[in-house]
Amino acid sequence: MSGMTVPVSLTGRLLVATPAMTDPNFDRAVVLLLDHDTEGSLGVVLNRPTPVEVGAVLESWADLAGEPSVIFQGGPVGLDSALALAVVPGEQGEDEVLGWRRVHGAIGLVDLEAPPELLVGELGGLRVFAGYAGWAPGQLEDELRQGAWFLVDSEPGDVSAPAPERLWRAVLRRQRGELALVATYADDPSLN
């Protein structure tokens, strides 16, 4: 068995698009990985708000949605489906909050089929996403090797950042060393 590597799960980590990212779906994107295993990877783009109010699509969840209270485009796949993330503060056990399933740390998926009343007072920063980002087995690892993404740790507040348009720079700025300098890159590299 020597020479074999055990896959390390990247679930709960952030993918931050490098300035070299050429796919317009992921330009300056910050993606939270919700699942990463030998069958592939799935995540949501945290910094793509749409103009569509949560109440216009999921009226019963509007009061629990964090600011900005809009639907976010979670990625280019499955745009006709919705998923929601929220933070449960404190030391709640994995099964203690009905309608919420832990993904990583205090971050979890919200069951949008559950009555929102179950979660009132339990959640912080509910965010609703239309679509998601997905990678086939090995595809994400290839993109990481090619330098398309920076892989960094997430913080619970990333899910509900009140200024999502500034999240790319904020996540990079909190990194150590030279990576923090990438936050100063111009939006249009030709202006450098």
C-alpha atoms as a PDB file:
ATOM      1  CA  MET A   1       0.000   0.000   0.000  1.00  0.00           C
ATOM      2  CA  SER A   2       2.975   2.311  -0.014  1.00  0.00           C
ATOM      3  CA  GLY A   3       2.749   5.062  -2.582  1.00  0.00           C
ATOM      4  CA  MET A   4      -1.035   5.255  -2.261  1.00  0.00           C
ATOM      5  CA  THR A   5      -2.477   8.477  -0.978  1.00  0.00           C
ATOM      6  CA  VAL A   6      -5.619   8.704   1.043  1.00  0.00           C
ATOM      7  CA  PRO A   7      -7.863  11.461  -0.323  1.00  0.00           C
ATOM      8  CA  VAL A   8      -8.139  14.374   2.082  1.00  0.00           C
ATOM      9  CA  SER A   9     -11.602  15.900   2.261  1.00  0.00           C
ATOM     10  CA  LEU A  10     -11.715  19.578   1.459  1.00  0.00           C
ATOM     11  CA  THR A  11     -15.288  19.917   2.731  1.00  0.00           C
ATOM     12  CA  GLY A  12     -15.726  23.209   4.552  1.00  0.00           C
ATOM     13  CA  ARG A  13     -12.745  24.892   2.894  1.00  0.00           C
ATOM     14  CA  LEU A  14     -12.916  27.869   0.547  1.00  0.00           C
ATOM     15  CA  LEU A  15     -11.836  27.981  -3.051  1.00  0.00           C
ATOM     16  CA  VAL A  16     -10.820  31.518  -3.935  1.00  0.00           C
ATOM     17  CA  ALA A  17     -10.444  32.150  -7.661  1.00  0.00           C
ATOM     18  CA  THR A  18      -6.953  33.240  -8.607  1.00  0.00           C
ATOM     19  CA  PRO A  19      -6.533  36.234 -10.907  1.00  0.00           C
ATOM     20  CA  ALA A  20      -5.642  33.657 -13.589  1.00  0.00           C
ATOM     21  CA  MET A  21      -9.156  32.136 -13.499  1.00  0.00           C
ATOM     22  CA  THR A  22     -10.571  32.388 -17.020  1.00  0.00           C
ATOM     23  CA  ASP A  23     -14.073  30.927 -16.512  1.00  0.00           C
ATOM     24  CA  PRO A  24     -16.460  33.921 -16.193  1.00  0.00           C
ATOM     25  CA  ASN A  25     -18.671  31.856 -13.844  1.00  0.00           C
ATOM     26  CA  PHE A  26     -15.857  31.950 -11.309  1.00  0.00           C
ATOM     27  CA  ASP A  27     -14.155  35.303 -11.888  1.00  0.00           C
ATOM     28  CA  ARG A  28     -13.239  36.576  -8.383  1.00  0.00           C
ATOM     29  CA  ALA A  29     -15.450  33.836  -6.905  1.00  0.00           C
ATOM     30  CA  VAL A  30     -15.298  32.524  -3.357  1.00  0.00           C
ATOM     31  CA  VAL A  31     -16.676  28.972  -3.234  1.00  0.00           C
ATOM     32  CA  LEU A  32     -17.519  27.106  -0.045  1.00  0.00           C
ATOM     33  CA  LEU A  33     -17.018  23.368  -0.576  1.00  0.00           C
ATOM     34  CA  LEU A  34     -20.030  21.516   0.808  1.00  0.00           C
ATOM     35  CA  ASP A  35     -18.870  18.063  -0.234  1.00  0.00           C
ATOM     36  CA  HIS A  36     -15.562  16.683  -1.463  1.00  0.00           C
ATOM     37  CA  ASP A  37     -14.794  13.007  -1.816  1.00  0.00           C
ATOM     38  CA  THR A  38     -13.761  10.393  -4.370  1.00  0.00           C
ATOM     39  CA  GLU A  39     -17.065  10.894  -6.236  1.00  0.00           C
ATOM     40  CA  GLY A  40     -16.406  14.586  -6.908  1.00  0.00           C
ATOM     41  CA  SER A  41     -16.944  17.961  -5.316  1.00  0.00           C
ATOM     42  CA  LEU A  42     -19.853  20.323  -4.771  1.00  0.00           C
ATOM     43  CA  GLY A  43     -19.878  23.878  -3.499  1.00  0.00           C
ATOM     44  CA  VAL A  44     -21.633  27.225  -3.691  1.00  0.00           C
ATOM     45  CA  VAL A  45     -20.330  30.608  -4.772  1.00  0.00           C
ATOM     46  CA  LEU A  46     -20.718  32.879  -1.737  1.00  0.00           C
ATOM     47  CA  ASN A  47     -20.290  36.221  -3.468  1.00  0.00           C
ATOM     48  CA  ARG A  48     -22.785  36.305  -6.367  1.00  0.00           C
ATOM     49  CA  PRO A  49     -25.948  38.070  -5.152  1.00  0.00           C
ATOM     50  CA  THR A  50     -28.809  38.386  -7.629  1.00  0.00           C
ATOM     51  CA  PRO A  51     -31.432  41.146  -7.596  1.00  0.00           C
ATOM     52  CA  VAL A  52     -34.135  38.577  -6.692  1.00  0.00           C
ATOM     53  CA  GLU A  53     -35.444  38.961  -3.135  1.00  0.00           C
ATOM     54  CA  VAL A  54     -35.713  35.759  -1.055  1.00  0.00           C
ATOM     55  CA  GLY A  55     -39.360  36.652  -0.308  1.00  0.00           C
ATOM     56  CA  ALA A  56     -40.195  36.629  -4.026  1.00  0.00           C
ATOM     57  CA  VAL A  57     -39.193  32.968  -4.327  1.00  0.00           C
ATOM     58  CA  LEU A  58     -39.380  31.499  -0.809  1.00  0.00           C
ATOM     59  CA  GLU A  59     -41.754  33.810   1.028  1.00  0.00           C
ATOM     60  CA  SER A  60     -41.831  31.756   4.237  1.00  0.00           C
ATOM     61  CA  TRP A  61     -38.026  32.011   4.598  1.00  0.00           C
ATOM     62  CA  ALA A  62     -37.717  35.755   3.949  1.00  0.00           C
ATOM     63  CA  ASP A  63     -37.728  36.746   7.637  1.00  0.00           C
ATOM     64  CA  LEU A  64     -34.798  34.404   8.408  1.00  0.00           C
ATOM     65  CA  ALA A  65     -32.639  35.507   5.491  1.00  0.00           C
ATOM     66  CA  GLY A  66     -29.562  37.558   6.319  1.00  0.00           C
ATOM     67  CA  GLU A  67     -28.665  40.827   4.607  1.00  0.00           C
ATOM     68  CA  PRO A  68     -28.641  41.239   1.730  1.00  0.00           C
ATOM     69  CA  SER A  69     -31.917  39.303   1.662  1.00  0.00           C
ATOM     70  CA  VAL A  70     -31.551  38.132  -1.923  1.00  0.00           C
ATOM     71  CA  ILE A  71     -31.028  34.841  -3.717  1.00  0.00           C
ATOM     72  CA  PHE A  72     -27.378  34.153  -4.541  1.00  0.00           C
ATOM     73  CA  GLN A  73     -26.233  32.381  -7.688  1.00  0.00           C
ATOM     74  CA  GLY A  74     -24.481  29.400  -6.164  1.00  0.00           C
ATOM     75  CA  GLY A  75     -22.939  28.272  -9.411  1.00  0.00           C
ATOM     76  CA  PRO A  76     -23.677  27.377 -12.994  1.00  0.00           C
ATOM     77  CA  VAL A  77     -25.245  23.955 -12.294  1.00  0.00           C
ATOM     78  CA  GLY A  78     -28.888  23.362 -11.342  1.00  0.00           C
ATOM     79  CA  LEU A  79     -30.026  26.977 -11.449  1.00  0.00           C
ATOM     80  CA  ASP A  80     -33.633  25.811 -11.091  1.00  0.00           C
ATOM     81  CA  SER A  81     -32.972  24.358  -7.637  1.00  0.00           C
ATOM     82  CA  ALA A  82     -32.360  26.099  -4.323  1.00  0.00           C
ATOM     83  CA  LEU A  83     -30.308  25.249  -1.279  1.00  0.00           C
ATOM     84  CA  ALA A  84     -29.729  27.243   1.859  1.00  0.00           C
ATOM     85  CA  LEU A  85     -26.865  27.582   4.299  1.00  0.00           C
ATOM     86  CA  ALA A  86     -26.929  28.979   7.792  1.00  0.00           C
ATOM     87  CA  VAL A  87     -24.747  29.187  10.839  1.00  0.00           C
ATOM     88  CA  VAL A  88     -25.893  27.725  14.144  1.00  0.00           C
ATOM     89  CA  PRO A  89     -23.993  29.603  16.829  1.00  0.00           C
ATOM     90  CA  GLY A  90     -22.681  27.896  19.927  1.00  0.00           C
ATOM     91  CA  GLU A  91     -21.913  24.266  20.585  1.00  0.00           C
ATOM     92  CA  GLN A  92     -25.053  22.645  19.183  1.00  0.00           C
ATOM     93  CA  GLY A  93     -24.852  18.914  18.565  1.00  0.00           C
ATOM     94  CA  GLU A  94     -25.148  17.655  15.014  1.00  0.00           C
ATOM     95  CA  ASP A  95     -28.725  16.448  15.382  1.00  0.00           C
ATOM     96  CA  GLU A  96     -29.970  19.006  17.898  1.00  0.00           C
ATOM     97  CA  VAL A  97     -31.384  21.487  15.382  1.00  0.00           C
ATOM     98  CA  LEU A  98     -34.263  20.102  13.343  1.00  0.00           C
ATOM     99  CA  GLY A  99     -34.144  21.222   9.730  1.00  0.00           C
ATOM    100  CA  TRP A 100     -30.391  21.899   9.748  1.00  0.00           C
ATOM    101  CA  ARG A 101     -27.519  19.512   8.926  1.00  0.00           C
ATOM    102  CA  ARG A 102     -23.922  20.370   9.784  1.00  0.00           C
ATOM    103  CA  VAL A 103     -21.511  20.626   6.852  1.00  0.00           C
ATOM    104  CA  HIS A 104     -18.468  22.000   8.642  1.00  0.00           C
ATOM    105  CA  GLY A 105     -18.092  23.605  12.056  1.00  0.00           C
ATOM    106  CA  ALA A 106     -21.037  25.916  12.688  1.00  0.00           C
ATOM    107  CA  ILE A 107     -22.035  25.970   8.993  1.00  0.00           C
ATOM    108  CA  GLY A 108     -24.834  23.730   7.807  1.00  0.00           C
ATOM    109  CA  LEU A 109     -27.468  23.076   5.163  1.00  0.00           C
ATOM    110  CA  VAL A 110     -31.035  24.137   5.870  1.00  0.00           C
ATOM    111  CA  ASP A 111     -33.921  21.896   4.828  1.00  0.00           C
ATOM    112  CA  LEU A 112     -36.098  24.308   2.849  1.00  0.00           C
ATOM    113  CA  GLU A 113     -38.953  21.773   3.061  1.00  0.00           C
ATOM    114  CA  ALA A 114     -39.019  22.105   6.864  1.00  0.00           C
ATOM    115  CA  PRO A 115     -41.265  24.706   8.470  1.00  0.00           C
ATOM    116  CA  PRO A 116     -39.173  27.859   9.041  1.00  0.00           C
ATOM    117  CA  GLU A 117     -40.698  28.149  12.533  1.00  0.00           C
ATOM    118  CA  LEU A 118     -38.513  25.193  13.605  1.00  0.00           C
ATOM    119  CA  LEU A 119     -35.413  27.289  13.042  1.00  0.00           C
ATOM    120  CA  VAL A 120     -36.454  30.696  14.361  1.00  0.00           C
ATOM    121  CA  GLY A 121     -33.974  31.674  17.045  1.00  0.00           C
ATOM    122  CA  GLU A 122     -31.548  28.894  16.083  1.00  0.00           C
ATOM    123  CA  LEU A 123     -29.992  30.215  12.877  1.00  0.00           C
ATOM    124  CA  GLY A 124     -27.667  33.042  12.113  1.00  0.00           C
ATOM    125  CA  GLY A 125     -27.128  34.323   8.605  1.00  0.00           C
ATOM    126  CA  LEU A 126     -29.424  32.227   6.424  1.00  0.00           C
ATOM    127  CA  ARG A 127     -28.420  32.501   2.795  1.00  0.00           C
ATOM    128  CA  VAL A 128     -30.323  30.966  -0.146  1.00  0.00           C
ATOM    129  CA  PHE A 129     -28.547  29.855  -3.332  1.00  0.00           C
ATOM    130  CA  ALA A 130     -29.903  29.034  -6.777  1.00  0.00           C
ATOM    131  CA  GLY A 131     -27.615  26.466  -8.325  1.00  0.00           C
ATOM    132  CA  TYR A 132     -24.240  25.152  -7.288  1.00  0.00           C
ATOM    133  CA  ALA A 133     -20.741  24.466  -8.578  1.00  0.00           C
ATOM    134  CA  GLY A 134     -19.786  20.866  -9.245  1.00  0.00           C
ATOM    135  CA  TRP A 135     -16.662  18.973 -10.214  1.00  0.00           C
ATOM    136  CA  ALA A 136     -16.257  15.408 -11.451  1.00  0.00           C
ATOM    137  CA  PRO A 137     -13.828  13.094  -9.615  1.00  0.00           C
ATOM    138  CA  GLY A 138     -10.320  14.532  -9.880  1.00  0.00           C
ATOM    139  CA  GLN A 139     -11.438  17.668 -11.749  1.00  0.00           C
ATOM    140  CA  LEU A 140     -11.074  20.026  -8.790  1.00  0.00           C
ATOM    141  CA  GLU A 141      -7.686  18.575  -7.885  1.00  0.00           C
ATOM    142  CA  ASP A 142      -6.555  19.237 -11.485  1.00  0.00           C
ATOM    143  CA  GLU A 143      -7.774  22.851 -11.266  1.00  0.00           C
ATOM    144  CA  LEU A 144      -5.902  23.289  -7.979  1.00  0.00           C
ATOM    145  CA  ARG A 145      -2.687  21.923  -9.536  1.00  0.00           C
ATOM    146  CA  GLN A 146      -3.140  24.279 -12.510  1.00  0.00           C
ATOM    147  CA  GLY A 147      -3.339  27.272 -10.155  1.00  0.00           C
ATOM    148  CA  ALA A 148      -6.971  28.237 -10.824  1.00  0.00           C
ATOM    149  CA  TRP A 149      -7.833  28.348  -7.120  1.00  0.00           C
ATOM    150  CA  PHE A 150      -6.339  29.281  -3.783  1.00  0.00           C
ATOM    151  CA  LEU A 151      -7.456  26.830  -1.108  1.00  0.00           C
ATOM    152  CA  VAL A 152      -7.991  28.501   2.288  1.00  0.00           C
ATOM    153  CA  ASP A 153      -9.867  27.938   5.528  1.00  0.00           C
ATOM    154  CA  SER A 154     -13.416  29.198   5.859  1.00  0.00           C
ATOM    155  CA  GLU A 155     -14.895  31.167   8.729  1.00  0.00           C
ATOM    156  CA  PRO A 156     -18.577  30.976   9.738  1.00  0.00           C
ATOM    157  CA  GLY A 157     -19.081  34.651   8.826  1.00  0.00           C
ATOM    158  CA  ASP A 158     -18.104  33.974   5.198  1.00  0.00           C
ATOM    159  CA  VAL A 159     -21.519  32.399   4.583  1.00  0.00           C
ATOM    160  CA  SER A 160     -23.398  35.540   5.587  1.00  0.00           C
ATOM    161  CA  ALA A 161     -20.961  38.322   4.696  1.00  0.00           C
ATOM    162  CA  PRO A 162     -23.047  41.527   4.621  1.00  0.00           C
ATOM    163  CA  ALA A 163     -20.956  42.914   1.730  1.00  0.00           C
ATOM    164  CA  PRO A 164     -20.559  39.871  -0.551  1.00  0.00           C
ATOM    165  CA  GLU A 165     -19.054  41.986  -3.337  1.00  0.00           C
ATOM    166  CA  ARG A 166     -16.026  42.513  -1.061  1.00  0.00           C
ATOM    167  CA  LEU A 167     -15.671  38.886   0.088  1.00  0.00           C
ATOM    168  CA  TRP A 168     -12.965  37.908  -2.436  1.00  0.00           C
ATOM    169  CA  ARG A 169     -10.649  40.660  -1.203  1.00  0.00           C
ATOM    170  CA  ALA A 170     -11.597  40.153   2.475  1.00  0.00           C
ATOM    171  CA  VAL A 171     -10.799  36.418   2.409  1.00  0.00           C
ATOM    172  CA  LEU A 172      -7.464  37.013   0.703  1.00  0.00           C
ATOM    173  CA  ARG A 173      -6.579  39.927   2.988  1.00  0.00           C
ATOM    174  CA  ARG A 174      -6.848  37.735   6.093  1.00  0.00           C
ATOM    175  CA  GLN A 175      -4.337  35.197   4.728  1.00  0.00           C
ATOM    176  CA  ARG A 176      -0.707  35.228   5.789  1.00  0.00           C
ATOM    177  CA  GLY A 177       2.236  36.135   3.618  1.00  0.00           C
ATOM    178  CA  GLU A 178       2.204  36.861  -0.071  1.00  0.00           C
ATOM    179  CA  LEU A 179      -1.325  35.543  -0.562  1.00  0.00           C
ATOM    180  CA  ALA A 180      -2.676  38.620   1.246  1.00  0.00           C
ATOM    181  CA  LEU A 181      -1.070  40.790  -1.436  1.00  0.00           C
ATOM    182  CA  VAL A 182      -3.291  39.220  -4.113  1.00  0.00           C
ATOM    183  CA  ALA A 183      -6.205  41.119  -2.554  1.00  0.00           C
ATOM    184  CA  THR A 184      -4.671  44.294  -3.984  1.00  0.00           C
ATOM    185  CA  TYR A 185      -4.806  43.093  -7.596  1.00  0.00           C
ATOM    186  CA  ALA A 186      -6.810  45.364  -9.882  1.00  0.00           C
ATOM    187  CA  ASP A 187     -10.114  44.004 -11.151  1.00  0.00           C
ATOM    188  CA  ASP A 188      -8.818  44.575 -14.686  1.00  0.00           C
ATOM    189  CA  PRO A 189      -5.207  43.256 -14.809  1.00  0.00           C
ATOM    190  CA  SER A 190      -4.521  45.324 -17.937  1.00  0.00           C
ATOM    191  CA  LEU A 191      -4.653  48.407 -15.680  1.00  0.00           C
ATOM    192  CA  ASN A 192      -1.518  47.274 -13.791  1.00  0.00           C
END
